[in-house]
Amino acid sequence: MANLDSEQLFSLAEARRRARAFGHVQRAQLMLAAAGLSACAIVAVAAAMLGTLL
């Protein structure tokens, strides 16, 4: 039997708002990961170019 306490029930609008907020957070995390990977690639290329000069 499910415990249907009225304090724990969410409205449909609240569920949509939470899902939308979670989607924004997930998208921001993905963009930060992509930016970090790009920064690592730039540093690697710069190190390789510097290595050929020395």
Protein backbone atom coordinates (compact mmCIF):
# COMPACT_ATOMS: atom_id res chain seq x y z
CA MET A 1 0.00 0.00 0.00
CA ALA A 2 1.41 3.38 -0.95
CA ASN A 3 1.82 6.09 1.63
CA LEU A 4 -0.09 8.99 0.09
CA ASP A 5 0.72 11.79 2.49
CA SER A 6 -0.49 15.13 1.17
CA GLU A 7 2.82 16.81 2.13
CA GLN A 8 4.75 14.55 -0.24
CA LEU A 9 2.51 14.94 -3.28
CA PHE A 10 3.66 17.24 -6.07
CA SER A 11 1.52 19.04 -8.54
CA LEU A 12 2.13 18.49 -12.22
CA ALA A 13 3.47 22.03 -12.56
CA GLU A 14 5.96 21.42 -9.73
CA ALA A 15 7.14 18.19 -11.35
CA ARG A 16 7.62 19.96 -14.68
CA ARG A 17 9.52 22.81 -13.00
CA ARG A 18 11.86 20.37 -11.26
CA ALA A 19 12.44 18.40 -14.47
CA ARG A 20 13.20 21.59 -16.38
CA ALA A 21 15.64 22.77 -13.69
CA PHE A 22 17.35 19.37 -13.70
CA GLY A 23 17.66 19.56 -17.48
CA HIS A 24 19.31 22.97 -17.27
CA VAL A 25 21.79 21.72 -14.67
CA GLN A 26 22.62 18.65 -16.73
CA ARG A 27 23.15 20.77 -19.86
CA ALA A 28 25.43 23.15 -17.95
CA GLN A 29 27.49 20.23 -16.62
CA LEU A 30 27.86 18.84 -20.13
CA MET A 31 29.00 22.23 -21.45
CA LEU A 32 31.55 22.55 -18.63
CA ALA A 33 32.91 19.08 -19.40
CA ALA A 34 33.23 19.97 -23.10
CA ALA A 35 35.00 23.23 -22.23
CA GLY A 36 37.43 21.37 -19.96
CA LEU A 37 38.19 18.82 -22.66
CA SER A 38 38.78 21.61 -25.18
CA ALA A 39 41.13 23.37 -22.77
CA CYS A 40 43.11 20.14 -22.29
CA ALA A 41 43.37 19.69 -26.06
CA ILE A 42 44.62 23.28 -26.50
CA VAL A 43 47.25 22.77 -23.81
CA ALA A 44 48.34 19.49 -25.41
CA VAL A 45 48.72 21.10 -28.83
CA ALA A 46 50.65 24.03 -27.33
CA ALA A 47 52.95 21.61 -25.49
CA ALA A 48 53.57 19.63 -28.67
CA MET A 49 54.40 22.79 -30.62
CA LEU A 50 56.69 24.01 -27.86
CA GLY A 51 58.37 20.61 -27.80
CA THR A 52 59.21 20.84 -31.48
CA LEU A 53 60.76 24.29 -31.02
CA LEU A 54 63.08 23.28 -28.20
